[in-house]
Amino acid sequence: MLGWMSKFQQRVQRWMFRVFDEEIVLSAEERNERFLEEAVELVQALNMTEEQAIQVVKYVFGRPKGEVRQEVGGVMVTLATLCSVQGINPFTCADVEMTRVEDPAIMAKVKAKQALKPKFRADRPDLSFEMTREEFIHRFPWVDPTVGKEGADPMRRNSDLDLKPCVVEKQGHVAVCTGSVHKGLGYIRPSPSAHLDRVANLDWELFSVSSIGVIDGQTYLWGMYVEGIGAFNVMVPKEFTRELLPHEREAWSKQRMGMYGSHSDKFSYTTGSGVAPVEEA
């Protein structure tokens, strides 16, 4: 049975990468939300009421946080028990569902449906808290995104944590708040960028993403601030980012970047910001 589970997990992973962007596939936050959504839909189908579900959620969040692997085991055990009571074979259900969603027409519908799902993390008010430089660096120690890749410098790995990021190349731009970390500069507090709205009572800075990865269950972005001093491989926890709003993207797609000469005081070496317009994003 363990062999079947391993093959099934690989089958699901291949399907995920065929249907969704890497960012969605590797987002721990997205996976949490989709799992909870399906679990709630299951108990709803078995006639649990909204009031009962809310009571369970409040009960769980009123207790200490559990250990991930033990909780995964608990999910599997309780699902097996639930299915036994209902006279259902969970493995048959899983195989039937995967066969259904592997149909190209269904895959297209799933991809379109994903774009319409509510963004539970967008503009979250819980982002508006202060962290000291020391608190931020301690919570989010910098990790080289090239760890595990050929040519990576082993001396640049974090010596205190055995973290091996699962990193994929990813091009694009996001807005960043609260903070970020860098191997040489330590903590970097974002400065407000022109053309970016103040959202969730926070200022945001434009960030160019080069890679995205998951470390110990936490999703990170690596890249550089568009208006920064040129430091690359700056690491930002994804929870402190948001997508650009359409009018922000449109404004920045037309923005020209450059340098002022220290002697001539002339604006030169101009180039585009690299932000894709709305129709190309």
Protein backbone atom coordinates (compact mmCIF):
# COMPACT_ATOMS: atom_id res chain seq x y z
CA MET A 1 0.00 0.00 0.00
CA LEU A 2 2.92 2.37 0.71
CA GLY A 3 4.16 1.77 -2.83
CA TRP A 4 0.74 2.73 -4.21
CA MET A 5 0.71 5.90 -2.12
CA SER A 6 4.16 6.92 -3.32
CA LYS A 7 3.21 6.40 -6.97
CA PHE A 8 -0.07 8.23 -6.46
CA GLN A 9 1.72 11.21 -4.87
CA GLN A 10 4.09 11.35 -7.87
CA ARG A 11 1.11 11.15 -10.22
CA VAL A 12 -0.56 14.07 -8.45
CA GLN A 13 2.66 16.11 -8.53
CA ARG A 14 3.05 15.60 -12.29
CA TRP A 15 -0.56 16.66 -12.82
CA MET A 16 -0.09 19.77 -10.67
CA PHE A 17 2.86 21.00 -12.74
CA ARG A 18 0.87 20.41 -15.95
CA VAL A 19 -2.07 22.50 -14.73
CA PHE A 20 -0.64 25.25 -12.50
CA ASP A 21 2.30 27.65 -12.41
CA GLU A 22 5.28 26.62 -10.28
CA GLU A 23 4.50 29.37 -7.77
CA ILE A 24 1.06 27.88 -7.05
CA VAL A 25 2.36 24.31 -6.94
CA LEU A 26 5.13 25.16 -4.46
CA SER A 27 3.14 27.56 -2.30
CA ALA A 28 2.69 26.03 1.16
CA GLU A 29 0.01 28.64 1.92
CA GLU A 30 -1.94 27.75 -1.22
CA ARG A 31 -1.74 24.04 -0.42
CA ASN A 32 -3.02 24.69 3.13
CA GLU A 33 -6.04 26.56 1.80
CA ARG A 34 -6.90 24.00 -0.89
CA PHE A 35 -6.62 21.09 1.58
CA LEU A 36 -8.85 22.85 4.10
CA GLU A 37 -11.34 23.69 1.35
CA GLU A 38 -11.62 20.04 0.26
CA ALA A 39 -11.89 18.81 3.87
CA VAL A 40 -14.71 21.26 4.56
CA GLU A 41 -16.48 20.27 1.34
CA LEU A 42 -16.29 16.61 2.42
CA VAL A 43 -17.92 17.18 5.82
CA GLN A 44 -20.44 19.53 4.18
CA ALA A 45 -21.38 16.68 1.83
CA LEU A 46 -21.86 14.53 4.96
CA ASN A 47 -24.30 17.11 6.37
CA MET A 48 -22.09 18.98 8.85
CA THR A 49 -23.45 22.51 9.31
CA GLU A 50 -21.47 25.74 9.02
CA GLU A 51 -22.00 26.41 12.73
CA GLN A 52 -20.57 23.01 13.65
CA ALA A 53 -17.55 23.55 11.40
CA ILE A 54 -16.82 26.96 12.92
CA GLN A 55 -17.01 25.46 16.42
CA VAL A 56 -14.41 22.85 15.44
CA VAL A 57 -12.11 25.53 13.96
CA LYS A 58 -12.33 27.61 17.14
CA TYR A 59 -11.64 24.53 19.25
CA VAL A 60 -8.53 23.63 17.22
CA PHE A 61 -7.09 27.15 17.23
CA GLY A 62 -7.67 27.37 20.97
CA ARG A 63 -5.09 24.61 21.48
CA PRO A 64 -1.28 24.50 21.00
CA LYS A 65 0.01 23.93 17.46
CA GLY A 66 0.76 20.28 16.65
CA GLU A 67 3.72 18.55 14.96
CA VAL A 68 3.27 18.40 11.17
CA ARG A 69 4.09 14.74 10.52
CA GLN A 70 1.95 13.56 13.41
CA GLU A 71 -0.95 15.68 12.16
CA VAL A 72 -0.56 14.22 8.65
CA GLY A 73 -0.78 10.77 10.19
CA GLY A 74 -3.87 11.87 12.08
CA VAL A 75 -5.48 13.10 8.87
CA MET A 76 -4.87 9.76 7.16
CA VAL A 77 -6.16 7.75 10.14
CA THR A 78 -9.31 9.81 10.61
CA LEU A 79 -10.03 9.82 6.86
CA ALA A 80 -9.75 6.02 6.81
CA THR A 81 -12.11 5.82 9.79
CA LEU A 82 -14.61 8.22 8.21
CA CYS A 83 -14.58 6.20 4.98
CA SER A 84 -15.09 2.94 6.89
CA VAL A 85 -18.18 4.37 8.60
CA GLN A 86 -19.54 5.50 5.21
CA GLY A 87 -18.66 2.26 3.43
CA ILE A 88 -16.25 4.02 1.07
CA ASN A 89 -12.86 2.85 -0.26
CA PRO A 90 -10.67 6.01 -0.16
CA PHE A 91 -8.07 4.58 -2.54
CA THR A 92 -10.69 3.84 -5.19
CA CYS A 93 -12.10 7.36 -4.77
CA ALA A 94 -8.63 8.86 -5.16
CA ASP A 95 -7.92 6.90 -8.35
CA VAL A 96 -11.31 7.75 -9.87
CA GLU A 97 -10.86 11.46 -9.11
CA MET A 98 -7.34 11.59 -10.55
CA THR A 99 -8.52 9.85 -13.73
CA ARG A 100 -11.33 12.42 -14.00
CA VAL A 101 -9.11 15.50 -13.56
CA GLU A 102 -6.43 14.14 -15.94
CA ASP A 103 -8.88 14.64 -18.81
CA PRO A 104 -7.58 17.66 -20.83
CA ALA A 105 -11.00 19.34 -20.82
CA ILE A 106 -11.22 19.06 -17.02
CA MET A 107 -7.65 20.30 -16.64
CA ALA A 108 -8.57 23.44 -18.59
CA LYS A 109 -11.59 24.01 -16.35
CA VAL A 110 -9.52 23.51 -13.17
CA LYS A 111 -6.96 26.05 -14.36
CA ALA A 112 -9.66 28.61 -15.16
CA LYS A 113 -11.37 27.96 -11.81
CA GLN A 114 -8.11 28.57 -9.94
CA ALA A 115 -7.96 32.14 -11.25
CA LEU A 116 -11.39 32.83 -9.76
CA LYS A 117 -10.71 31.42 -6.30
CA PRO A 118 -10.83 33.97 -3.46
CA LYS A 119 -7.44 35.29 -2.36
CA PHE A 120 -7.67 34.72 1.37
CA ARG A 121 -4.18 36.15 1.93
CA ALA A 122 -4.57 39.31 -0.16
CA ASP A 123 -4.15 42.57 1.74
CA ARG A 124 -4.09 40.71 5.04
CA PRO A 125 -4.39 43.06 8.02
CA ASP A 126 -2.16 40.76 10.09
CA LEU A 127 0.81 41.94 8.02
CA SER A 128 0.73 45.31 9.76
CA PHE A 129 3.01 44.50 12.68
CA GLU A 130 6.49 45.65 13.55
CA MET A 131 9.49 43.34 13.83
CA THR A 132 12.93 44.41 14.96
CA ARG A 133 15.93 43.73 12.73
CA GLU A 134 17.08 40.99 15.11
CA GLU A 135 13.65 39.34 15.26
CA PHE A 136 13.35 39.28 11.48
CA ILE A 137 16.84 37.82 10.87
CA HIS A 138 16.29 35.20 13.57
CA ARG A 139 12.94 34.13 12.12
CA PHE A 140 14.05 34.22 8.48
CA PRO A 141 17.79 33.34 8.27
CA TRP A 142 19.15 33.92 4.77
CA VAL A 143 19.65 30.83 2.61
CA ASP A 144 21.48 30.71 -0.71
CA PRO A 145 18.90 29.84 -3.41
CA THR A 146 21.64 27.96 -5.34
CA VAL A 147 22.13 25.42 -2.53
CA GLY A 148 22.15 21.97 -4.09
CA LYS A 149 22.85 23.34 -7.56
CA GLU A 150 26.07 22.65 -9.43
CA GLY A 151 28.64 25.35 -8.68
CA ALA A 152 27.00 26.51 -5.45
CA ASP A 153 29.44 27.84 -2.87
CA PRO A 154 29.16 25.56 0.22
CA MET A 155 30.49 28.37 2.43
CA ARG A 156 27.39 30.42 1.68
CA ARG A 157 25.03 27.84 3.17
CA ASN A 158 23.45 28.62 6.49
CA SER A 159 25.70 26.88 9.03
CA ASP A 160 23.03 26.58 11.72
CA LEU A 161 20.26 24.98 9.67
CA ASP A 162 20.29 22.00 7.35
CA LEU A 163 17.95 23.59 4.83
CA LYS A 164 17.86 22.53 1.20
CA PRO A 165 15.49 24.81 -0.71
CA CYS A 166 13.40 23.41 -3.52
CA VAL A 167 13.94 26.30 -5.93
CA VAL A 168 12.65 27.00 -9.41
CA GLU A 169 13.47 29.92 -11.67
CA LYS A 170 10.64 32.45 -11.73
CA GLN A 171 10.52 35.80 -13.49
CA GLY A 172 8.15 38.56 -12.47
CA HIS A 173 7.49 41.44 -10.11
CA VAL A 174 5.68 41.74 -6.77
CA ALA A 175 5.27 44.34 -4.04
CA VAL A 176 7.05 43.75 -0.70
CA CYS A 177 6.37 45.06 2.80
CA THR A 178 7.79 44.57 6.34
CA GLY A 179 11.25 43.20 5.50
CA SER A 180 13.75 40.97 3.72
CA VAL A 181 17.18 39.48 4.34
CA HIS A 182 20.48 39.40 2.43
CA LYS A 183 23.73 37.49 3.03
CA GLY A 184 25.85 40.62 3.23
CA LEU A 185 23.52 43.40 4.27
CA GLY A 186 21.44 41.44 6.77
CA TYR A 187 18.00 42.91 7.21
CA ILE A 188 16.60 45.24 4.52
CA ARG A 189 13.47 47.25 5.25
CA PRO A 190 11.51 48.07 2.08
CA SER A 191 11.08 51.72 1.10
CA PRO A 192 7.85 52.85 -0.54
CA SER A 193 7.98 52.80 -4.34
CA ALA A 194 6.32 55.34 -6.58
CA HIS A 195 3.08 54.20 -8.25
CA LEU A 196 2.41 51.54 -5.57
CA ASP A 197 -0.67 52.03 -3.40
CA ARG A 198 -0.60 51.96 0.37
CA VAL A 199 -2.41 48.66 1.01
CA ALA A 200 -3.44 47.17 4.40
CA ASN A 201 -2.06 50.34 5.99
CA LEU A 202 1.43 49.44 4.73
CA ASP A 203 3.96 50.88 2.31
CA TRP A 204 5.23 48.59 -0.46
CA GLU A 205 8.40 48.41 -2.56
CA LEU A 206 8.70 46.96 -6.08
CA PHE A 207 10.65 43.69 -6.16
CA SER A 208 11.96 41.74 -9.17
CA VAL A 209 11.66 37.98 -8.59
CA SER A 210 14.31 35.62 -9.97
CA SER A 211 13.54 32.44 -7.99
CA ILE A 212 10.90 30.98 -5.72
CA GLY A 213 11.33 28.08 -3.33
CA VAL A 214 10.11 26.28 -0.24
CA ILE A 215 12.31 25.85 2.83
CA ASP A 216 11.01 23.86 5.76
CA GLY A 217 7.42 24.54 4.68
CA GLN A 218 7.92 28.31 4.24
CA THR A 219 7.71 29.83 0.75
CA TYR A 220 10.37 32.43 -0.14
CA LEU A 221 11.16 34.66 -3.10
CA TRP A 222 14.69 35.65 -4.14
CA GLY A 223 15.54 38.60 -6.33
CA MET A 224 16.30 42.32 -6.04
CA TYR A 225 14.53 45.58 -5.33
CA VAL A 226 13.98 47.47 -8.56
CA GLU A 227 14.91 50.80 -6.96
CA GLY A 228 17.49 49.35 -4.57
CA ILE A 229 21.31 49.45 -4.49
CA GLY A 230 21.67 46.41 -6.72
CA ALA A 231 21.92 43.67 -4.10
CA PHE A 232 20.79 40.38 -5.64
CA ASN A 233 19.52 37.17 -4.04
CA VAL A 234 17.62 39.22 -1.48
CA MET A 235 15.28 36.75 0.26
CA VAL A 236 11.67 37.70 1.02
CA PRO A 237 9.10 35.53 2.84
CA LYS A 238 6.15 35.22 0.46
CA GLU A 239 3.75 36.17 3.27
CA PHE A 240 5.16 39.72 3.06
CA THR A 241 4.39 40.12 -0.65
CA ARG A 242 1.38 40.85 -2.81
CA GLU A 243 0.65 40.89 -6.52
CA LEU A 244 0.77 44.21 -8.34
CA LEU A 245 -2.60 45.85 -8.89
CA PRO A 246 -3.50 46.41 -12.57
CA HIS A 247 -2.98 50.19 -12.45
CA GLU A 248 0.33 49.75 -10.58
CA ARG A 249 1.55 47.30 -13.19
CA GLU A 250 0.47 49.57 -16.02
CA ALA A 251 2.28 52.56 -14.48
CA TRP A 252 5.51 50.65 -13.85
CA SER A 253 5.50 49.03 -17.30
CA LYS A 254 5.95 52.56 -18.72
CA GLN A 255 8.56 53.65 -16.15
CA ARG A 256 12.13 54.31 -17.31
CA MET A 257 15.06 53.58 -15.02
CA GLY A 258 18.52 55.15 -15.18
CA MET A 259 21.41 56.84 -13.36
CA TYR A 260 22.40 60.42 -12.64
CA GLY A 261 26.03 61.25 -13.40
CA SER A 262 27.90 62.53 -10.34
CA HIS A 263 29.69 65.18 -12.45
CA SER A 264 27.31 65.84 -15.32
CA ASP A 265 24.16 65.59 -13.21
CA LYS A 266 22.54 64.14 -16.32
CA PHE A 267 20.07 61.26 -16.36
CA SER A 268 21.52 58.49 -18.54
CA TYR A 269 21.82 54.73 -19.08
CA THR A 270 18.05 54.53 -19.20
CA THR A 271 16.23 51.24 -19.53
CA GLY A 272 12.75 49.90 -18.96
CA SER A 273 11.68 48.75 -15.50
CA GLY A 274 11.10 45.21 -16.77
CA VAL A 275 7.54 45.11 -15.39
CA ALA A 276 5.23 43.43 -17.89
CA PRO A 277 2.07 45.36 -18.81
CA VAL A 278 -1.29 43.98 -17.73
CA GLU A 279 -2.01 42.22 -21.00
CA GLU A 280 1.31 40.31 -20.85
CA ALA A 281 1.38 39.49 -17.13
